[in-house]
């Protein structure tokens, strides 16, 4: 059944309940036909309260029925076809290029396996531009993410560091996350009940302010997949734009293949080191790589196949030097 076409142009909200200015929703797809119907079905309620929004989808040469599903269920959505499996950042840049900066108040970037709960986008947009104690402003707002079983997914992160790489290797991500010095993941449940500032956040769903977009420019396409959101948030932080949680905004994330795929887990792991190298010197990068290798190597000894593949890649200088790809 076709979803209401009007929902993908300029939907009308109840009087007195809207936030003015156009919001562009951007999704990047690649063989996403199975998850798109649920994403599109949840979108109108997720955008409730916003008086002007549009959907732009960048498709990275899907081999399934992704584009056909979009044409059928969201015929007024704009589809940008990259013509190749260009990567997540490249897809975002292609979609952003189709937007009119002068008419855009904010951009909502989301995965097609996200299901926004009612009013999610409005809460995110309203959180933008809030002043921070250090003089910066909120340029990136993120929601509380839930798993399919409604369990909290801790999506807030601290900046990668050598100490945190070794802390996670020894203690594990979630246990190390209890300590600011030793963990990258923010695991304290209370942090997800208030407007918490983070160094970066998972990129399944985030809203970017117009001024943040203008300051940061394009997403870094050298990261084919994974770490592109880390790089973008840290770059925004460098330029005075904070990443903050909007606790009133909630969405469900169906999960990712990196948890089970050796290929994707290897790419995720290598890109963590590549990003650290982009921001730090050779000695610090070598120490960070050693911490990541300790983590993956110890888990490989416990029989975790994806970690075995990632550890082998970390031991190969050519793998770290090569351009990331599918």
C-alpha atoms as a PDB file:
ATOM      1  CA  UNK A   1       0.000   0.000   0.000  1.00  0.00           C
ATOM      2  CA  UNK A   2       1.331   3.429  -0.938  1.00  0.00           C
ATOM      3  CA  UNK A   3       2.158   5.688   2.000  1.00  0.00           C
ATOM      4  CA  UNK A   4       0.499   9.102   1.910  1.00  0.00           C
ATOM      5  CA  UNK A   5       2.426  11.051  -0.715  1.00  0.00           C
ATOM      6  CA  UNK A   6       1.803  14.353   1.017  1.00  0.00           C
ATOM      7  CA  UNK A   7       3.809  13.061   3.960  1.00  0.00           C
ATOM      8  CA  UNK A   8       6.996  13.332   1.909  1.00  0.00           C
ATOM      9  CA  UNK A   9       6.716  16.934   0.833  1.00  0.00           C
ATOM     10  CA  UNK A  10       5.379  19.580   3.217  1.00  0.00           C
ATOM     11  CA  UNK A  11       3.145  17.811   5.749  1.00  0.00           C
ATOM     12  CA  UNK A  12       0.666  19.863   7.735  1.00  0.00           C
ATOM     13  CA  UNK A  13       0.885  19.689  11.518  1.00  0.00           C
ATOM     14  CA  UNK A  14      -1.575  20.801  14.144  1.00  0.00           C
ATOM     15  CA  UNK A  15      -1.823  24.543  14.719  1.00  0.00           C
ATOM     16  CA  UNK A  16       0.608  25.815  17.324  1.00  0.00           C
ATOM     17  CA  UNK A  17       2.684  22.634  17.296  1.00  0.00           C
ATOM     18  CA  UNK A  18       5.174  23.267  14.506  1.00  0.00           C
ATOM     19  CA  UNK A  19       8.804  24.263  14.267  1.00  0.00           C
ATOM     20  CA  UNK A  20       9.395  26.591  11.314  1.00  0.00           C
ATOM     21  CA  UNK A  21      12.008  26.178   8.575  1.00  0.00           C
ATOM     22  CA  UNK A  22      12.628  23.322   6.162  1.00  0.00           C
ATOM     23  CA  UNK A  23      14.242  20.136   7.421  1.00  0.00           C
ATOM     24  CA  UNK A  24      15.735  17.781   4.846  1.00  0.00           C
ATOM     25  CA  UNK A  25      15.674  14.089   5.738  1.00  0.00           C
ATOM     26  CA  UNK A  26      18.553  12.221   4.114  1.00  0.00           C
ATOM     27  CA  UNK A  27      18.864   8.451   3.961  1.00  0.00           C
ATOM     28  CA  UNK A  28      21.578   6.488   2.166  1.00  0.00           C
ATOM     29  CA  UNK A  29      20.505   3.119   0.789  1.00  0.00           C
ATOM     30  CA  UNK A  30      22.272   0.067  -0.554  1.00  0.00           C
ATOM     31  CA  UNK A  31      20.173  -3.068  -1.031  1.00  0.00           C
ATOM     32  CA  UNK A  32      17.751  -1.697   1.569  1.00  0.00           C
ATOM     33  CA  UNK A  33      14.451  -2.917   0.111  1.00  0.00           C
ATOM     34  CA  UNK A  34      13.671  -5.114   3.118  1.00  0.00           C
ATOM     35  CA  UNK A  35      13.945  -2.317   5.706  1.00  0.00           C
ATOM     36  CA  UNK A  36      12.583   0.632   3.714  1.00  0.00           C
ATOM     37  CA  UNK A  37       8.837  -0.002   4.187  1.00  0.00           C
ATOM     38  CA  UNK A  38       9.162   0.173   7.977  1.00  0.00           C
ATOM     39  CA  UNK A  39      11.349   3.265   7.765  1.00  0.00           C
ATOM     40  CA  UNK A  40       8.914   5.062   5.483  1.00  0.00           C
ATOM     41  CA  UNK A  41       5.873   4.014   7.513  1.00  0.00           C
ATOM     42  CA  UNK A  42       7.345   5.496  10.695  1.00  0.00           C
ATOM     43  CA  UNK A  43       8.621   8.676   9.060  1.00  0.00           C
ATOM     44  CA  UNK A  44       5.473  10.868   9.071  1.00  0.00           C
ATOM     45  CA  UNK A  45       4.880  10.442  12.815  1.00  0.00           C
ATOM     46  CA  UNK A  46       8.580  10.771  13.502  1.00  0.00           C
ATOM     47  CA  UNK A  47       8.513  14.153  11.723  1.00  0.00           C
ATOM     48  CA  UNK A  48       5.301  15.290  13.446  1.00  0.00           C
ATOM     49  CA  UNK A  49       5.399  18.931  14.514  1.00  0.00           C
ATOM     50  CA  UNK A  50       7.646  20.079  11.687  1.00  0.00           C
ATOM     51  CA  UNK A  51       5.774  22.201   9.196  1.00  0.00           C
ATOM     52  CA  UNK A  52       8.164  21.871   6.248  1.00  0.00           C
ATOM     53  CA  UNK A  53      10.286  18.837   5.418  1.00  0.00           C
ATOM     54  CA  UNK A  54      11.300  16.704   2.488  1.00  0.00           C
ATOM     55  CA  UNK A  55      12.910  13.322   1.957  1.00  0.00           C
ATOM     56  CA  UNK A  56      16.040  12.852  -0.149  1.00  0.00           C
ATOM     57  CA  UNK A  57      17.431   9.346  -0.625  1.00  0.00           C
ATOM     58  CA  UNK A  58      20.879   8.650  -2.059  1.00  0.00           C
ATOM     59  CA  UNK A  59      21.029   5.145  -3.477  1.00  0.00           C
ATOM     60  CA  UNK A  60      24.423   3.507  -3.907  1.00  0.00           C
ATOM     61  CA  UNK A  61      23.555   1.324  -6.907  1.00  0.00           C
ATOM     62  CA  UNK A  62      21.329  -1.155  -5.079  1.00  0.00           C
ATOM     63  CA  UNK A  63      21.003  -4.506  -6.799  1.00  0.00           C
ATOM     64  CA  UNK A  64      17.651  -5.279  -5.183  1.00  0.00           C
ATOM     65  CA  UNK A  65      14.290  -3.463  -5.384  1.00  0.00           C
ATOM     66  CA  UNK A  66      15.293  -0.489  -3.222  1.00  0.00           C
ATOM     67  CA  UNK A  67      14.558   2.172  -5.822  1.00  0.00           C
ATOM     68  CA  UNK A  68      11.318   0.470  -6.886  1.00  0.00           C
ATOM     69  CA  UNK A  69      10.147   0.381  -3.265  1.00  0.00           C
ATOM     70  CA  UNK A  70      10.921   4.090  -2.923  1.00  0.00           C
ATOM     71  CA  UNK A  71       9.063   4.915  -6.135  1.00  0.00           C
ATOM     72  CA  UNK A  72       6.034   2.945  -4.975  1.00  0.00           C
ATOM     73  CA  UNK A  73       5.830   3.950  -1.302  1.00  0.00           C
ATOM     74  CA  UNK A  74       7.300   7.462  -1.422  1.00  0.00           C
ATOM     75  CA  UNK A  75       6.786   8.722  -4.976  1.00  0.00           C
ATOM     76  CA  UNK A  76       7.415  12.354  -4.022  1.00  0.00           C
ATOM     77  CA  UNK A  77      10.731  11.642  -2.351  1.00  0.00           C
ATOM     78  CA  UNK A  78      13.786  12.773  -4.303  1.00  0.00           C
ATOM     79  CA  UNK A  79      16.056   9.869  -5.237  1.00  0.00           C
ATOM     80  CA  UNK A  80      19.689  10.615  -6.050  1.00  0.00           C
ATOM     81  CA  UNK A  81      21.382   7.666  -7.736  1.00  0.00           C
ATOM     82  CA  UNK A  82      25.162   7.684  -7.285  1.00  0.00           C
ATOM     83  CA  UNK A  83      25.641   4.995  -9.927  1.00  0.00           C
ATOM     84  CA  UNK A  84      28.050   2.950  -7.803  1.00  0.00           C
ATOM     85  CA  UNK A  85      28.531   1.587  -4.331  1.00  0.00           C
ATOM     86  CA  UNK A  86      30.161   4.847  -3.322  1.00  0.00           C
ATOM     87  CA  UNK A  87      30.116   4.489   0.458  1.00  0.00           C
ATOM     88  CA  UNK A  88      28.061   6.144   3.164  1.00  0.00           C
ATOM     89  CA  UNK A  89      29.829   9.521   3.253  1.00  0.00           C
ATOM     90  CA  UNK A  90      29.762   9.821  -0.533  1.00  0.00           C
ATOM     91  CA  UNK A  91      26.042   9.060  -0.526  1.00  0.00           C
ATOM     92  CA  UNK A  92      25.439  11.761   2.076  1.00  0.00           C
ATOM     93  CA  UNK A  93      27.434  14.265   0.055  1.00  0.00           C
ATOM     94  CA  UNK A  94      25.462  13.425  -3.089  1.00  0.00           C
ATOM     95  CA  UNK A  95      22.178  13.970  -1.253  1.00  0.00           C
ATOM     96  CA  UNK A  96      23.411  17.192   0.342  1.00  0.00           C
ATOM     97  CA  UNK A  97      24.380  18.479  -3.102  1.00  0.00           C
ATOM     98  CA  UNK A  98      20.730  18.116  -4.121  1.00  0.00           C
ATOM     99  CA  UNK A  99      19.604  20.418  -1.296  1.00  0.00           C
ATOM    100  CA  UNK A 100      19.177  24.185  -1.465  1.00  0.00           C
ATOM    101  CA  UNK A 101      21.253  25.597   1.432  1.00  0.00           C
ATOM    102  CA  UNK A 102      19.244  28.814   1.509  1.00  0.00           C
ATOM    103  CA  UNK A 103      15.996  26.893   2.060  1.00  0.00           C
ATOM    104  CA  UNK A 104      17.332  24.363   4.557  1.00  0.00           C
ATOM    105  CA  UNK A 105      17.172  24.927   8.294  1.00  0.00           C
ATOM    106  CA  UNK A 106      18.594  21.550   9.322  1.00  0.00           C
ATOM    107  CA  UNK A 107      19.432  18.140   7.879  1.00  0.00           C
ATOM    108  CA  UNK A 108      18.310  14.901   9.479  1.00  0.00           C
ATOM    109  CA  UNK A 109      20.706  12.073   8.558  1.00  0.00           C
ATOM    110  CA  UNK A 110      19.403   8.572   9.206  1.00  0.00           C
ATOM    111  CA  UNK A 111      19.884   4.928   8.317  1.00  0.00           C
ATOM    112  CA  UNK A 112      16.956   3.182   6.609  1.00  0.00           C
ATOM    113  CA  UNK A 113      16.900   0.632   9.451  1.00  0.00           C
ATOM    114  CA  UNK A 114      15.907   3.341  11.939  1.00  0.00           C
ATOM    115  CA  UNK A 115      12.317   3.740  13.127  1.00  0.00           C
ATOM    116  CA  UNK A 116      11.661   7.181  14.587  1.00  0.00           C
ATOM    117  CA  UNK A 117       9.104   7.396  17.339  1.00  0.00           C
ATOM    118  CA  UNK A 118       6.472  10.171  17.226  1.00  0.00           C
ATOM    119  CA  UNK A 119       7.887  13.669  17.483  1.00  0.00           C
ATOM    120  CA  UNK A 120      11.510  12.497  17.400  1.00  0.00           C
ATOM    121  CA  UNK A 121      12.682  14.887  14.700  1.00  0.00           C
ATOM    122  CA  UNK A 122      11.049  17.942  16.239  1.00  0.00           C
ATOM    123  CA  UNK A 123      12.793  17.317  19.566  1.00  0.00           C
ATOM    124  CA  UNK A 124      16.113  17.006  17.746  1.00  0.00           C
ATOM    125  CA  UNK A 125      15.629  20.193  15.755  1.00  0.00           C
ATOM    126  CA  UNK A 126      14.611  22.113  18.870  1.00  0.00           C
ATOM    127  CA  UNK A 127      17.839  21.004  20.579  1.00  0.00           C
ATOM    128  CA  UNK A 128      20.019  22.643  17.927  1.00  0.00           C
ATOM    129  CA  UNK A 129      21.926  25.873  18.603  1.00  0.00           C
ATOM    130  CA  UNK A 130      21.668  25.559  22.396  1.00  0.00           C
ATOM    131  CA  UNK A 131      24.627  27.374  24.024  1.00  0.00           C
ATOM    132  CA  UNK A 132      27.256  25.289  25.826  1.00  0.00           C
ATOM    133  CA  UNK A 133      29.298  26.350  28.882  1.00  0.00           C
ATOM    134  CA  UNK A 134      32.500  26.541  26.823  1.00  0.00           C
ATOM    135  CA  UNK A 135      30.963  29.001  24.364  1.00  0.00           C
ATOM    136  CA  UNK A 136      30.184  26.466  21.644  1.00  0.00           C
ATOM    137  CA  UNK A 137      26.691  25.678  20.432  1.00  0.00           C
ATOM    138  CA  UNK A 138      24.844  22.454  19.708  1.00  0.00           C
ATOM    139  CA  UNK A 139      25.424  21.723  16.030  1.00  0.00           C
ATOM    140  CA  UNK A 140      24.548  18.019  16.110  1.00  0.00           C
ATOM    141  CA  UNK A 141      21.617  16.565  18.046  1.00  0.00           C
ATOM    142  CA  UNK A 142      21.058  12.838  18.517  1.00  0.00           C
ATOM    143  CA  UNK A 143      18.218  10.790  20.030  1.00  0.00           C
ATOM    144  CA  UNK A 144      18.025   8.032  22.585  1.00  0.00           C
ATOM    145  CA  UNK A 145      18.419   4.850  20.538  1.00  0.00           C
ATOM    146  CA  UNK A 146      16.639   1.647  21.488  1.00  0.00           C
ATOM    147  CA  UNK A 147      17.186  -1.921  20.357  1.00  0.00           C
ATOM    148  CA  UNK A 148      14.316  -3.916  18.867  1.00  0.00           C
ATOM    149  CA  UNK A 149      13.558  -5.304  22.343  1.00  0.00           C
ATOM    150  CA  UNK A 150      13.443  -1.707  23.695  1.00  0.00           C
ATOM    151  CA  UNK A 151      16.783  -2.055  25.501  1.00  0.00           C
ATOM    152  CA  UNK A 152      18.876   1.110  25.610  1.00  0.00           C
ATOM    153  CA  UNK A 153      21.656   1.272  23.027  1.00  0.00           C
ATOM    154  CA  UNK A 154      24.507   3.410  24.435  1.00  0.00           C
ATOM    155  CA  UNK A 155      25.260   5.543  21.377  1.00  0.00           C
ATOM    156  CA  UNK A 156      27.174   8.417  23.026  1.00  0.00           C
ATOM    157  CA  UNK A 157      30.958   8.317  22.785  1.00  0.00           C
ATOM    158  CA  UNK A 158      34.090   9.995  24.098  1.00  0.00           C
ATOM    159  CA  UNK A 159      36.968  10.887  21.781  1.00  0.00           C
ATOM    160  CA  UNK A 160      39.256   7.939  20.950  1.00  0.00           C
ATOM    161  CA  UNK A 161      42.509   7.929  22.936  1.00  0.00           C
ATOM    162  CA  UNK A 162      45.385   5.575  23.654  1.00  0.00           C
ATOM    163  CA  UNK A 163      44.239   5.102  27.257  1.00  0.00           C
ATOM    164  CA  UNK A 164      40.710   4.254  26.111  1.00  0.00           C
ATOM    165  CA  UNK A 165      41.973   1.775  23.516  1.00  0.00           C
ATOM    166  CA  UNK A 166      43.858  -0.141  26.211  1.00  0.00           C
ATOM    167  CA  UNK A 167      41.041   0.279  28.725  1.00  0.00           C
ATOM    168  CA  UNK A 168      38.581  -1.335  26.340  1.00  0.00           C
ATOM    169  CA  UNK A 169      41.075  -4.100  25.526  1.00  0.00           C
ATOM    170  CA  UNK A 170      41.406  -5.014  29.190  1.00  0.00           C
ATOM    171  CA  UNK A 171      37.945  -4.265  30.568  1.00  0.00           C
ATOM    172  CA  UNK A 172      35.678  -4.515  27.514  1.00  0.00           C
ATOM    173  CA  UNK A 173      33.725  -1.652  25.950  1.00  0.00           C
ATOM    174  CA  UNK A 174      30.828  -1.457  28.363  1.00  0.00           C
ATOM    175  CA  UNK A 175      32.786  -1.959  31.583  1.00  0.00           C
ATOM    176  CA  UNK A 176      35.486   0.504  30.509  1.00  0.00           C
ATOM    177  CA  UNK A 177      32.757   2.962  29.564  1.00  0.00           C
ATOM    178  CA  UNK A 178      31.950   3.495  33.246  1.00  0.00           C
ATOM    179  CA  UNK A 179      35.226   5.411  33.529  1.00  0.00           C
ATOM    180  CA  UNK A 180      35.850   8.593  31.561  1.00  0.00           C
ATOM    181  CA  UNK A 181      39.579   7.908  31.258  1.00  0.00           C
ATOM    182  CA  UNK A 182      39.351   4.279  30.191  1.00  0.00           C
ATOM    183  CA  UNK A 183      36.278   3.954  27.975  1.00  0.00           C
ATOM    184  CA  UNK A 184      35.036   5.511  24.759  1.00  0.00           C
ATOM    185  CA  UNK A 185      31.427   4.370  25.180  1.00  0.00           C
ATOM    186  CA  UNK A 186      29.272   6.340  27.627  1.00  0.00           C
ATOM    187  CA  UNK A 187      27.403   3.572  29.443  1.00  0.00           C
ATOM    188  CA  UNK A 188      25.856   5.402  32.420  1.00  0.00           C
ATOM    189  CA  UNK A 189      22.062   5.055  31.908  1.00  0.00           C
ATOM    190  CA  UNK A 190      21.521   8.431  33.575  1.00  0.00           C
ATOM    191  CA  UNK A 191      23.417  10.113  30.734  1.00  0.00           C
ATOM    192  CA  UNK A 192      20.560   9.139  28.430  1.00  0.00           C
ATOM    193  CA  UNK A 193      17.905  10.837  30.560  1.00  0.00           C
ATOM    194  CA  UNK A 194      19.280  14.383  30.277  1.00  0.00           C
ATOM    195  CA  UNK A 195      20.783  16.647  27.570  1.00  0.00           C
ATOM    196  CA  UNK A 196      24.215  15.032  27.659  1.00  0.00           C
ATOM    197  CA  UNK A 197      27.101  16.355  25.608  1.00  0.00           C
ATOM    198  CA  UNK A 198      29.378  13.818  23.912  1.00  0.00           C
ATOM    199  CA  UNK A 199      32.485  14.049  21.755  1.00  0.00           C
ATOM    200  CA  UNK A 200      30.687  12.042  19.090  1.00  0.00           C
ATOM    201  CA  UNK A 201      27.708   9.734  18.680  1.00  0.00           C
ATOM    202  CA  UNK A 202      26.639   6.814  16.532  1.00  0.00           C
ATOM    203  CA  UNK A 203      25.461   8.006  13.134  1.00  0.00           C
ATOM    204  CA  UNK A 204      22.267   5.959  12.803  1.00  0.00           C
ATOM    205  CA  UNK A 205      20.228   9.142  13.349  1.00  0.00           C
ATOM    206  CA  UNK A 206      21.418  12.706  13.871  1.00  0.00           C
ATOM    207  CA  UNK A 207      20.261  16.221  13.025  1.00  0.00           C
ATOM    208  CA  UNK A 208      22.780  18.807  11.820  1.00  0.00           C
ATOM    209  CA  UNK A 209      22.234  22.543  12.019  1.00  0.00           C
ATOM    210  CA  UNK A 210      22.635  24.693   8.928  1.00  0.00           C
ATOM    211  CA  UNK A 211      25.548  26.596  10.435  1.00  0.00           C
ATOM    212  CA  UNK A 212      27.314  23.373  11.418  1.00  0.00           C
ATOM    213  CA  UNK A 213      26.921  22.023   7.888  1.00  0.00           C
ATOM    214  CA  UNK A 214      28.299  25.239   6.429  1.00  0.00           C
ATOM    215  CA  UNK A 215      31.286  25.242   8.791  1.00  0.00           C
ATOM    216  CA  UNK A 216      32.199  21.563   8.388  1.00  0.00           C
ATOM    217  CA  UNK A 217      31.660  21.168   4.669  1.00  0.00           C
ATOM    218  CA  UNK A 218      31.403  17.713   3.013  1.00  0.00           C
ATOM    219  CA  UNK A 219      31.665  14.413   4.848  1.00  0.00           C
ATOM    220  CA  UNK A 220      35.033  12.685   4.529  1.00  0.00           C
ATOM    221  CA  UNK A 221      34.665  10.134   1.728  1.00  0.00           C
ATOM    222  CA  UNK A 222      37.964   8.432   2.534  1.00  0.00           C
ATOM    223  CA  UNK A 223      35.966   6.456   5.109  1.00  0.00           C
ATOM    224  CA  UNK A 224      33.883   4.161   2.942  1.00  0.00           C
ATOM    225  CA  UNK A 225      31.885   2.945   5.929  1.00  0.00           C
ATOM    226  CA  UNK A 226      32.367   3.421   9.694  1.00  0.00           C
ATOM    227  CA  UNK A 227      34.178   6.272  11.462  1.00  0.00           C
ATOM    228  CA  UNK A 228      32.753   8.854   9.073  1.00  0.00           C
ATOM    229  CA  UNK A 229      30.368  10.054  11.790  1.00  0.00           C
ATOM    230  CA  UNK A 230      33.217  10.055  14.337  1.00  0.00           C
ATOM    231  CA  UNK A 231      35.362  12.197  12.066  1.00  0.00           C
ATOM    232  CA  UNK A 232      32.477  14.567  11.334  1.00  0.00           C
ATOM    233  CA  UNK A 233      31.501  15.056  14.978  1.00  0.00           C
ATOM    234  CA  UNK A 234      35.108  15.618  16.053  1.00  0.00           C
ATOM    235  CA  UNK A 235      35.612  18.076  13.198  1.00  0.00           C
ATOM    236  CA  UNK A 236      32.465  19.893  14.272  1.00  0.00           C
ATOM    237  CA  UNK A 237      33.757  19.979  17.846  1.00  0.00           C
ATOM    238  CA  UNK A 238      37.026  21.514  16.641  1.00  0.00           C
ATOM    239  CA  UNK A 239      34.977  24.250  14.945  1.00  0.00           C
ATOM    240  CA  UNK A 240      32.826  25.021  17.998  1.00  0.00           C
ATOM    241  CA  UNK A 241      29.794  22.780  17.373  1.00  0.00           C
ATOM    242  CA  UNK A 242      28.860  20.303  20.099  1.00  0.00           C
ATOM    243  CA  UNK A 243      27.169  16.926  19.750  1.00  0.00           C
ATOM    244  CA  UNK A 244      24.349  16.613  22.299  1.00  0.00           C
ATOM    245  CA  UNK A 245      21.668  14.102  23.222  1.00  0.00           C
ATOM    246  CA  UNK A 246      18.040  15.237  23.086  1.00  0.00           C
ATOM    247  CA  UNK A 247      16.455  12.872  25.648  1.00  0.00           C
ATOM    248  CA  UNK A 248      12.910  13.613  24.474  1.00  0.00           C
ATOM    249  CA  UNK A 249      13.782  12.155  21.048  1.00  0.00           C
ATOM    250  CA  UNK A 250      13.666   8.379  20.702  1.00  0.00           C
ATOM    251  CA  UNK A 251      14.179   5.959  17.826  1.00  0.00           C
ATOM    252  CA  UNK A 252      14.626   2.228  17.328  1.00  0.00           C
ATOM    253  CA  UNK A 253      17.701   0.976  15.487  1.00  0.00           C
ATOM    254  CA  UNK A 254      17.407  -2.495  14.029  1.00  0.00           C
ATOM    255  CA  UNK A 255      21.147  -3.143  14.270  1.00  0.00           C
ATOM    256  CA  UNK A 256      24.085  -3.721  11.952  1.00  0.00           C
ATOM    257  CA  UNK A 257      25.947  -6.500  10.151  1.00  0.00           C
ATOM    258  CA  UNK A 258      29.288  -5.421  11.646  1.00  0.00           C
ATOM    259  CA  UNK A 259      28.446  -7.489  14.741  1.00  0.00           C
ATOM    260  CA  UNK A 260      28.602 -10.737  12.806  1.00  0.00           C
ATOM    261  CA  UNK A 261      30.428 -10.011   9.532  1.00  0.00           C
ATOM    262  CA  UNK A 262      34.211 -10.485   9.587  1.00  0.00           C
ATOM    263  CA  UNK A 263      34.579  -8.196   6.560  1.00  0.00           C
ATOM    264  CA  UNK A 264      32.610  -5.332   8.077  1.00  0.00           C
ATOM    265  CA  UNK A 265      34.136  -5.723  11.528  1.00  0.00           C
ATOM    266  CA  UNK A 266      37.595  -5.556   9.935  1.00  0.00           C
ATOM    267  CA  UNK A 267      36.653  -2.390   8.067  1.00  0.00           C
ATOM    268  CA  UNK A 268      35.260  -0.847  11.264  1.00  0.00           C
ATOM    269  CA  UNK A 269      38.448  -1.698  13.163  1.00  0.00           C
ATOM    270  CA  UNK A 270      40.841  -0.448  10.484  1.00  0.00           C
ATOM    271  CA  UNK A 271      38.909   2.791  10.109  1.00  0.00           C
ATOM    272  CA  UNK A 272      39.218   3.461  13.833  1.00  0.00           C
ATOM    273  CA  UNK A 273      43.006   3.420  13.445  1.00  0.00           C
ATOM    274  CA  UNK A 274      42.893   5.417  10.207  1.00  0.00           C
ATOM    275  CA  UNK A 275      40.842   8.119  11.890  1.00  0.00           C
ATOM    276  CA  UNK A 276      43.191   8.272  14.877  1.00  0.00           C
ATOM    277  CA  UNK A 277      46.140   8.613  12.481  1.00  0.00           C
ATOM    278  CA  UNK A 278      44.345  11.505  10.767  1.00  0.00           C
ATOM    279  CA  UNK A 279      44.250  13.455  14.029  1.00  0.00           C
ATOM    280  CA  UNK A 280      47.450  12.352  15.809  1.00  0.00           C
ATOM    281  CA  UNK A 281      51.147  11.771  15.257  1.00  0.00           C
ATOM    282  CA  UNK A 282      52.918   8.540  14.360  1.00  0.00           C
ATOM    283  CA  UNK A 283      53.946   7.569  17.918  1.00  0.00           C
ATOM    284  CA  UNK A 284      50.460   8.059  19.371  1.00  0.00           C
ATOM    285  CA  UNK A 285      48.926   6.190  16.428  1.00  0.00           C
ATOM    286  CA  UNK A 286      51.280   3.244  16.958  1.00  0.00           C
ATOM    287  CA  UNK A 287      50.231   3.083  20.619  1.00  0.00           C
ATOM    288  CA  UNK A 288      46.547   3.331  19.726  1.00  0.00           C
ATOM    289  CA  UNK A 289      46.919   0.578  17.123  1.00  0.00           C
ATOM    290  CA  UNK A 290      48.606  -1.607  19.744  1.00  0.00           C
ATOM    291  CA  UNK A 291      45.663  -1.122  22.091  1.00  0.00           C
ATOM    292  CA  UNK A 292      43.143  -1.986  19.372  1.00  0.00           C
ATOM    293  CA  UNK A 293      45.244  -5.006  18.373  1.00  0.00           C
ATOM    294  CA  UNK A 294      45.336  -6.194  21.988  1.00  0.00           C
ATOM    295  CA  UNK A 295      41.565  -6.016  22.125  1.00  0.00           C
ATOM    296  CA  UNK A 296      40.977  -7.864  18.849  1.00  0.00           C
ATOM    297  CA  UNK A 297      43.752 -10.376  19.475  1.00  0.00           C
ATOM    298  CA  UNK A 298      42.442 -11.321  22.922  1.00  0.00           C
ATOM    299  CA  UNK A 299      38.949 -11.822  21.527  1.00  0.00           C
ATOM    300  CA  UNK A 300      40.337 -13.845  18.636  1.00  0.00           C
ATOM    301  CA  UNK A 301      41.900 -16.218  21.167  1.00  0.00           C
ATOM    302  CA  UNK A 302      38.421 -16.668  22.632  1.00  0.00           C
ATOM    303  CA  UNK A 303      37.185 -17.852  19.253  1.00  0.00           C
ATOM    304  CA  UNK A 304      35.581 -14.703  17.876  1.00  0.00           C
ATOM    305  CA  UNK A 305      35.960 -14.974  14.100  1.00  0.00           C
ATOM    306  CA  UNK A 306      35.485 -11.288  13.175  1.00  0.00           C
ATOM    307  CA  UNK A 307      38.154 -10.291  15.721  1.00  0.00           C
ATOM    308  CA  UNK A 308      40.554 -12.840  14.231  1.00  0.00           C
ATOM    309  CA  UNK A 309      40.123 -11.234  10.821  1.00  0.00           C
ATOM    310  CA  UNK A 310      40.503  -7.728  12.257  1.00  0.00           C
ATOM    311  CA  UNK A 311      43.666  -8.645  14.175  1.00  0.00           C
ATOM    312  CA  UNK A 312      45.230 -10.097  11.033  1.00  0.00           C
ATOM    313  CA  UNK A 313      44.434  -6.905   9.127  1.00  0.00           C
ATOM    314  CA  UNK A 314      45.925  -4.738  11.880  1.00  0.00           C
ATOM    315  CA  UNK A 315      49.187  -6.678  11.573  1.00  0.00           C
ATOM    316  CA  UNK A 316      49.379  -5.868   7.861  1.00  0.00           C
ATOM    317  CA  UNK A 317      50.726  -2.359   7.109  1.00  0.00           C
ATOM    318  CA  UNK A 318      49.327  -2.604   3.581  1.00  0.00           C
ATOM    319  CA  UNK A 319      45.786  -3.059   4.908  1.00  0.00           C
ATOM    320  CA  UNK A 320      46.018   0.150   6.935  1.00  0.00           C
ATOM    321  CA  UNK A 321      47.477   2.005   3.966  1.00  0.00           C
ATOM    322  CA  UNK A 322      44.945   0.889   1.371  1.00  0.00           C
ATOM    323  CA  UNK A 323      41.886   2.946   0.550  1.00  0.00           C
ATOM    324  CA  UNK A 324      38.840   1.637   2.430  1.00  0.00           C
ATOM    325  CA  UNK A 325      36.282  -0.047   0.231  1.00  0.00           C
ATOM    326  CA  UNK A 326      33.404  -2.521   0.166  1.00  0.00           C
END
